[in-house]
PDB file of N, CA and C in Angstrom:
ATOM      1  N   MET A   1     -10.468  12.344  20.476  1.00  0.00           N
ATOM      2  CA  MET A   1      -9.213  12.950  20.091  1.00  0.00           C
ATOM      3  C   MET A   1      -8.906  12.578  18.639  1.00  0.00           C
ATOM      4  N   VAL A   2      -8.472  13.513  17.865  1.00  0.00           N
ATOM      5  CA  VAL A   2      -8.149  13.283  16.464  1.00  0.00           C
ATOM      6  C   VAL A   2      -6.655  13.038  16.337  1.00  0.00           C
ATOM      7  N   SER A   3      -6.292  11.980  15.654  1.00  0.00           N
ATOM      8  CA  SER A   3      -4.887  11.638  15.464  1.00  0.00           C
ATOM      9  C   SER A   3      -4.295  12.463  14.331  1.00  0.00           C
ATOM     10  N   ASN A   4      -3.030  12.810  14.464  1.00  0.00           N
ATOM     11  CA  ASN A   4      -2.332  13.541  13.410  1.00  0.00           C
ATOM     12  C   ASN A   4      -1.693  12.615  12.397  1.00  0.00           C
ATOM     13  N   ARG A   5      -1.824  11.312  12.592  1.00  0.00           N
ATOM     14  CA  ARG A   5      -1.230  10.357  11.651  1.00  0.00           C
ATOM     15  C   ARG A   5      -1.946  10.415  10.310  1.00  0.00           C
ATOM     16  N   ILE A   6      -1.196  10.213   9.247  1.00  0.00           N
ATOM     17  CA  ILE A   6      -1.773  10.166   7.903  1.00  0.00           C
ATOM     18  C   ILE A   6      -1.958   8.709   7.537  1.00  0.00           C
ATOM     19  N   ARG A   7      -3.143   8.343   7.165  1.00  0.00           N
ATOM     20  CA  ARG A   7      -3.440   6.971   6.746  1.00  0.00           C
ATOM     21  C   ARG A   7      -2.894   6.755   5.328  1.00  0.00           C
ATOM     22  N   PRO A   8      -2.671   5.480   4.922  1.00  0.00           N
ATOM     23  CA  PRO A   8      -2.129   5.211   3.584  1.00  0.00           C
ATOM     24  C   PRO A   8      -2.930   5.849   2.454  1.00  0.00           C
ATOM     25  N   ALA A   9      -4.246   5.780   2.533  1.00  0.00           N
ATOM     26  CA  ALA A   9      -5.051   6.383   1.464  1.00  0.00           C
ATOM     27  C   ALA A   9      -4.819   7.881   1.404  1.00  0.00           C
ATOM     28  N   ALA A  10      -4.649   8.500   2.550  1.00  0.00           N
ATOM     29  CA  ALA A  10      -4.381   9.935   2.581  1.00  0.00           C
ATOM     30  C   ALA A  10      -3.005  10.226   1.989  1.00  0.00           C
ATOM     31  N   CYS A  11      -2.044   9.357   2.234  1.00  0.00           N
ATOM     32  CA  CYS A  11      -0.709   9.531   1.659  1.00  0.00           C
ATOM     33  C   CYS A  11      -0.780   9.498   0.134  1.00  0.00           C
ATOM     34  N   ALA A  12      -1.547   8.564  -0.410  1.00  0.00           N
ATOM     35  CA  ALA A  12      -1.698   8.476  -1.861  1.00  0.00           C
ATOM     36  C   ALA A  12      -2.390   9.717  -2.392  1.00  0.00           C
ATOM     37  N   ALA A  13      -3.379  10.219  -1.660  1.00  0.00           N
ATOM     38  CA  ALA A  13      -4.086  11.426  -2.094  1.00  0.00           C
ATOM     39  C   ALA A  13      -3.137  12.615  -2.109  1.00  0.00           C
ATOM     40  N   LEU A  14      -2.283  12.723  -1.096  1.00  0.00           N
ATOM     41  CA  LEU A  14      -1.318  13.826  -1.067  1.00  0.00           C
ATOM     42  C   LEU A  14      -0.316  13.705  -2.218  1.00  0.00           C
ATOM     43  N   ALA A  15       0.118  12.485  -2.511  1.00  0.00           N
ATOM     44  CA  ALA A  15       1.048  12.280  -3.623  1.00  0.00           C
ATOM     45  C   ALA A  15       0.384  12.626  -4.950  1.00  0.00           C
ATOM     46  N   ALA A  16      -0.885  12.289  -5.088  1.00  0.00           N
ATOM     47  CA  ALA A  16      -1.617  12.588  -6.318  1.00  0.00           C
ATOM     48  C   ALA A  16      -1.743  14.091  -6.543  1.00  0.00           C
ATOM     49  N   LEU A  17      -1.815  14.845  -5.463  1.00  0.00           N
ATOM     50  CA  LEU A  17      -1.919  16.298  -5.583  1.00  0.00           C
ATOM     51  C   LEU A  17      -0.666  16.922  -6.188  1.00  0.00           C
ATOM     52  N   SER A  18       0.442  16.190  -6.191  1.00  0.00           N
ATOM     53  CA  SER A  18       1.684  16.720  -6.751  1.00  0.00           C
ATOM     54  C   SER A  18       1.590  16.899  -8.257  1.00  0.00           C
ATOM     55  N   GLY A  19       0.573  16.270  -8.874  1.00  0.00           N
ATOM     56  CA  GLY A  19       0.415  16.390 -10.320  1.00  0.00           C
ATOM     57  C   GLY A  19       1.219  15.385 -11.113  1.00  0.00           C
ATOM     58  N   LYS A  20       1.981  14.539 -10.436  1.00  0.00           N
ATOM     59  CA  LYS A  20       2.768  13.519 -11.121  1.00  0.00           C
ATOM     60  C   LYS A  20       1.923  12.258 -11.260  1.00  0.00           C
ATOM     61  N   PRO A  21       1.944  11.612 -12.419  1.00  0.00           N
ATOM     62  CA  PRO A  21       1.126  10.407 -12.621  1.00  0.00           C
ATOM     63  C   PRO A  21       1.703   9.206 -11.884  1.00  0.00           C
ATOM     64  N   GLY A  22       0.878   8.218 -11.692  1.00  0.00           N
ATOM     65  CA  GLY A  22       1.358   6.941 -11.200  1.00  0.00           C
ATOM     66  C   GLY A  22       1.146   6.659  -9.731  1.00  0.00           C
ATOM     67  N   VAL A  23       0.220   7.321  -9.089  1.00  0.00           N
ATOM     68  CA  VAL A  23      -0.059   6.998  -7.692  1.00  0.00           C
ATOM     69  C   VAL A  23      -0.889   5.727  -7.656  1.00  0.00           C
ATOM     70  N   VAL A  24      -0.360   4.692  -7.022  1.00  0.00           N
ATOM     71  CA  VAL A  24      -1.045   3.410  -6.916  1.00  0.00           C
ATOM     72  C   VAL A  24      -1.254   3.109  -5.438  1.00  0.00           C
ATOM     73  N   GLU A  25      -2.454   2.706  -5.098  1.00  0.00           N
ATOM     74  CA  GLU A  25      -2.786   2.433  -3.698  1.00  0.00           C
ATOM     75  C   GLU A  25      -3.345   1.022  -3.584  1.00  0.00           C
ATOM     76  N   GLY A  26      -3.144   0.388  -2.471  1.00  0.00           N
ATOM     77  CA  GLY A  26      -3.754  -0.903  -2.202  1.00  0.00           C
ATOM     78  C   GLY A  26      -2.869  -2.107  -2.463  1.00  0.00           C
ATOM     79  N   PHE A  27      -1.575  -1.922  -2.645  1.00  0.00           N
ATOM     80  CA  PHE A  27      -0.680  -3.051  -2.875  1.00  0.00           C
ATOM     81  C   PHE A  27      -0.008  -3.535  -1.602  1.00  0.00           C
ATOM     82  N   GLY A  28      -0.289  -2.892  -0.500  1.00  0.00           N
ATOM     83  CA  GLY A  28       0.338  -3.271   0.764  1.00  0.00           C
ATOM     84  C   GLY A  28      -0.177  -4.606   1.285  1.00  0.00           C
ATOM     85  N   LEU A  29       0.582  -5.161   2.184  1.00  0.00           N
ATOM     86  CA  LEU A  29       0.188  -6.414   2.821  1.00  0.00           C
ATOM     87  C   LEU A  29      -0.931  -6.164   3.818  1.00  0.00           C
ATOM     88  N   GLN A  30      -1.723  -7.194   4.063  1.00  0.00           N
ATOM     89  CA  GLN A  30      -2.751  -7.080   5.094  1.00  0.00           C
ATOM     90  C   GLN A  30      -2.045  -7.061   6.439  1.00  0.00           C
ATOM     91  N   SER A  31      -2.418  -6.096   7.251  1.00  0.00           N
ATOM     92  CA  SER A  31      -1.762  -5.971   8.552  1.00  0.00           C
ATOM     93  C   SER A  31      -2.748  -5.443   9.581  1.00  0.00           C
ATOM     94  N   HIS A  32      -2.290  -5.440  10.813  1.00  0.00           N
ATOM     95  CA  HIS A  32      -3.118  -4.955  11.922  1.00  0.00           C
ATOM     96  C   HIS A  32      -2.227  -4.193  12.889  1.00  0.00           C
ATOM     97  N   GLY A  33      -2.830  -3.266  13.607  1.00  0.00           N
ATOM     98  CA  GLY A  33      -2.085  -2.510  14.614  1.00  0.00           C
ATOM     99  C   GLY A  33      -1.199  -1.442  14.010  1.00  0.00           C
ATOM    100  N   SER A  34      -1.608  -0.869  12.907  1.00  0.00           N
ATOM    101  CA  SER A  34      -0.816   0.103  12.151  1.00  0.00           C
ATOM    102  C   SER A  34       0.072   0.993  13.013  1.00  0.00           C
ATOM    103  N   HIS A  35       1.354   0.767  12.921  1.00  0.00           N
ATOM    104  CA  HIS A  35       2.383   1.556  13.608  1.00  0.00           C
ATOM    105  C   HIS A  35       2.221   1.576  15.122  1.00  0.00           C
ATOM    106  N   SER A  36       1.578   0.577  15.657  1.00  0.00           N
ATOM    107  CA  SER A  36       1.402   0.474  17.102  1.00  0.00           C
ATOM    108  C   SER A  36       2.722   0.036  17.746  1.00  0.00           C
ATOM    109  N   PRO A  37       3.109   0.663  18.824  1.00  0.00           N
ATOM    110  CA  PRO A  37       4.341   0.226  19.495  1.00  0.00           C
ATOM    111  C   PRO A  37       4.160  -1.113  20.207  1.00  0.00           C
ATOM    112  N   GLU A  38       2.920  -1.597  20.270  1.00  0.00           N
ATOM    113  CA  GLU A  38       2.646  -2.807  21.030  1.00  0.00           C
ATOM    114  C   GLU A  38       2.391  -4.048  20.183  1.00  0.00           C
ATOM    115  N   ALA A  39       1.700  -3.904  19.052  1.00  0.00           N
ATOM    116  CA  ALA A  39       1.269  -5.122  18.358  1.00  0.00           C
ATOM    117  C   ALA A  39       1.017  -4.923  16.870  1.00  0.00           C
ATOM    118  N   GLU A  40       1.967  -4.405  16.131  1.00  0.00           N
ATOM    119  CA  GLU A  40       1.796  -4.317  14.679  1.00  0.00           C
ATOM    120  C   GLU A  40       2.274  -5.620  14.056  1.00  0.00           C
ATOM    121  N   TYR A  41       1.468  -6.173  13.155  1.00  0.00           N
ATOM    122  CA  TYR A  41       1.891  -7.393  12.483  1.00  0.00           C
ATOM    123  C   TYR A  41       1.276  -7.499  11.099  1.00  0.00           C
ATOM    124  N   VAL A  42       1.866  -8.376  10.288  1.00  0.00           N
ATOM    125  CA  VAL A  42       1.442  -8.609   8.907  1.00  0.00           C
ATOM    126  C   VAL A  42       0.858 -10.011   8.817  1.00  0.00           C
ATOM    127  N   GLU A  43      -0.233 -10.142   8.071  1.00  0.00           N
ATOM    128  CA  GLU A  43      -0.822 -11.464   7.813  1.00  0.00           C
ATOM    129  C   GLU A  43       0.050 -12.160   6.765  1.00  0.00           C
ATOM    130  N   LEU A  44       0.734 -13.221   7.142  1.00  0.00           N
ATOM    131  CA  LEU A  44       1.646 -13.902   6.220  1.00  0.00           C
ATOM    132  C   LEU A  44       0.932 -14.463   4.997  1.00  0.00           C
ATOM    133  N   ASP A  45      -0.329 -14.827   5.137  1.00  0.00           N
ATOM    134  CA  ASP A  45      -1.089 -15.342   3.995  1.00  0.00           C
ATOM    135  C   ASP A  45      -1.308 -14.281   2.916  1.00  0.00           C
ATOM    136  N   SER A  46      -1.066 -13.021   3.234  1.00  0.00           N
ATOM    137  CA  SER A  46      -1.275 -11.964   2.237  1.00  0.00           C
ATOM    138  C   SER A  46      -0.026 -11.693   1.399  1.00  0.00           C
ATOM    139  N   VAL A  47       1.115 -12.293   1.742  1.00  0.00           N
ATOM    140  CA  VAL A  47       2.367 -12.022   1.030  1.00  0.00           C
ATOM    141  C   VAL A  47       2.331 -12.573  -0.395  1.00  0.00           C
ATOM    142  N   GLU A  48       2.032 -13.852  -0.545  1.00  0.00           N
ATOM    143  CA  GLU A  48       2.067 -14.483  -1.870  1.00  0.00           C
ATOM    144  C   GLU A  48       1.108 -13.829  -2.871  1.00  0.00           C
ATOM    145  N   PRO A  49      -0.164 -13.579  -2.507  1.00  0.00           N
ATOM    146  CA  PRO A  49      -1.055 -12.946  -3.478  1.00  0.00           C
ATOM    147  C   PRO A  49      -0.594 -11.548  -3.895  1.00  0.00           C
ATOM    148  N   ARG A  50      -0.011 -10.789  -2.980  1.00  0.00           N
ATOM    149  CA  ARG A  50       0.464  -9.443  -3.319  1.00  0.00           C
ATOM    150  C   ARG A  50       1.679  -9.510  -4.234  1.00  0.00           C
ATOM    151  N   LEU A  51       2.571 -10.467  -3.994  1.00  0.00           N
ATOM    152  CA  LEU A  51       3.725 -10.633  -4.872  1.00  0.00           C
ATOM    153  C   LEU A  51       3.278 -11.032  -6.274  1.00  0.00           C
ATOM    154  N   TYR A  52       2.300 -11.921  -6.347  1.00  0.00           N
ATOM    155  CA  TYR A  52       1.762 -12.329  -7.650  1.00  0.00           C
ATOM    156  C   TYR A  52       1.158 -11.130  -8.374  1.00  0.00           C
ATOM    157  N   LEU A  53       0.369 -10.347  -7.653  1.00  0.00           N
ATOM    158  CA  LEU A  53      -0.256  -9.169  -8.249  1.00  0.00           C
ATOM    159  C   LEU A  53       0.799  -8.197  -8.772  1.00  0.00           C
ATOM    160  N   LEU A  54       1.824  -7.952  -7.980  1.00  0.00           N
ATOM    161  CA  LEU A  54       2.890  -7.050  -8.402  1.00  0.00           C
ATOM    162  C   LEU A  54       3.631  -7.589  -9.622  1.00  0.00           C
ATOM    163  N   ALA A  55       3.929  -8.892  -9.622  1.00  0.00           N
ATOM    164  CA  ALA A  55       4.624  -9.506 -10.763  1.00  0.00           C
ATOM    165  C   ALA A  55       3.790  -9.390 -12.036  1.00  0.00           C
ATOM    166  N   ARG A  56       2.495  -9.656 -11.944  1.00  0.00           N
ATOM    167  CA  ARG A  56       1.617  -9.549 -13.121  1.00  0.00           C
ATOM    168  C   ARG A  56       1.521  -8.108 -13.610  1.00  0.00           C
ATOM    169  N   LEU A  57       1.477  -7.166 -12.684  1.00  0.00           N
ATOM    170  CA  LEU A  57       1.430  -5.758 -13.067  1.00  0.00           C
ATOM    171  C   LEU A  57       2.687  -5.375 -13.844  1.00  0.00           C
ATOM    172  N   ILE A  58       3.831  -5.808 -13.360  1.00  0.00           N
ATOM    173  CA  ILE A  58       5.090  -5.503 -14.044  1.00  0.00           C
ATOM    174  C   ILE A  58       5.123  -6.184 -15.404  1.00  0.00           C
ATOM    175  N   MET A  59       4.682  -7.437 -15.473  1.00  0.00           N
ATOM    176  CA  MET A  59       4.674  -8.152 -16.754  1.00  0.00           C
ATOM    177  C   MET A  59       3.757  -7.457 -17.765  1.00  0.00           C
ATOM    178  N   GLU A  60       2.583  -7.042 -17.331  1.00  0.00           N
ATOM    179  CA  GLU A  60       1.639  -6.363 -18.227  1.00  0.00           C
ATOM    180  C   GLU A  60       2.200  -5.016 -18.686  1.00  0.00           C
ATOM    181  N   ALA A  61       2.789  -4.284 -17.763  1.00  0.00           N
ATOM    182  CA  ALA A  61       3.338  -2.976 -18.123  1.00  0.00           C
ATOM    183  C   ALA A  61       4.515  -3.120 -19.081  1.00  0.00           C
ATOM    184  N   ALA A  62       5.315  -4.161 -18.896  1.00  0.00           N
ATOM    185  CA  ALA A  62       6.481  -4.387 -19.756  1.00  0.00           C
ATOM    186  C   ALA A  62       6.093  -4.844 -21.156  1.00  0.00           C
ATOM    187  N   SER A  63       4.921  -5.458 -21.279  1.00  0.00           N
ATOM    188  CA  SER A  63       4.505  -5.980 -22.587  1.00  0.00           C
ATOM    189  C   SER A  63       3.848  -4.913 -23.458  1.00  0.00           C
ATOM    190  N   GLU A  64       3.557  -3.783 -22.893  1.00  0.00           N
ATOM    191  CA  GLU A  64       2.872  -2.710 -23.665  1.00  0.00           C
ATOM    192  C   GLU A  64       3.853  -1.814 -24.370  1.00  0.00           C
TER     193      GLU A  64
END
């Protein structure tokens, strides 16, 4: 059976088709059970590195 759900990468691809710049993918937290009603969760160890990455991205963009 094929699911009608759109995966995150597909969401970014659809946004990119709009012709507007700035589609960024891969900044989400590591997780499991994507949208499962039973067991969706986030790996807490992935929070700090993602926040650091986002902060550095903002700092680099602001310095240009």
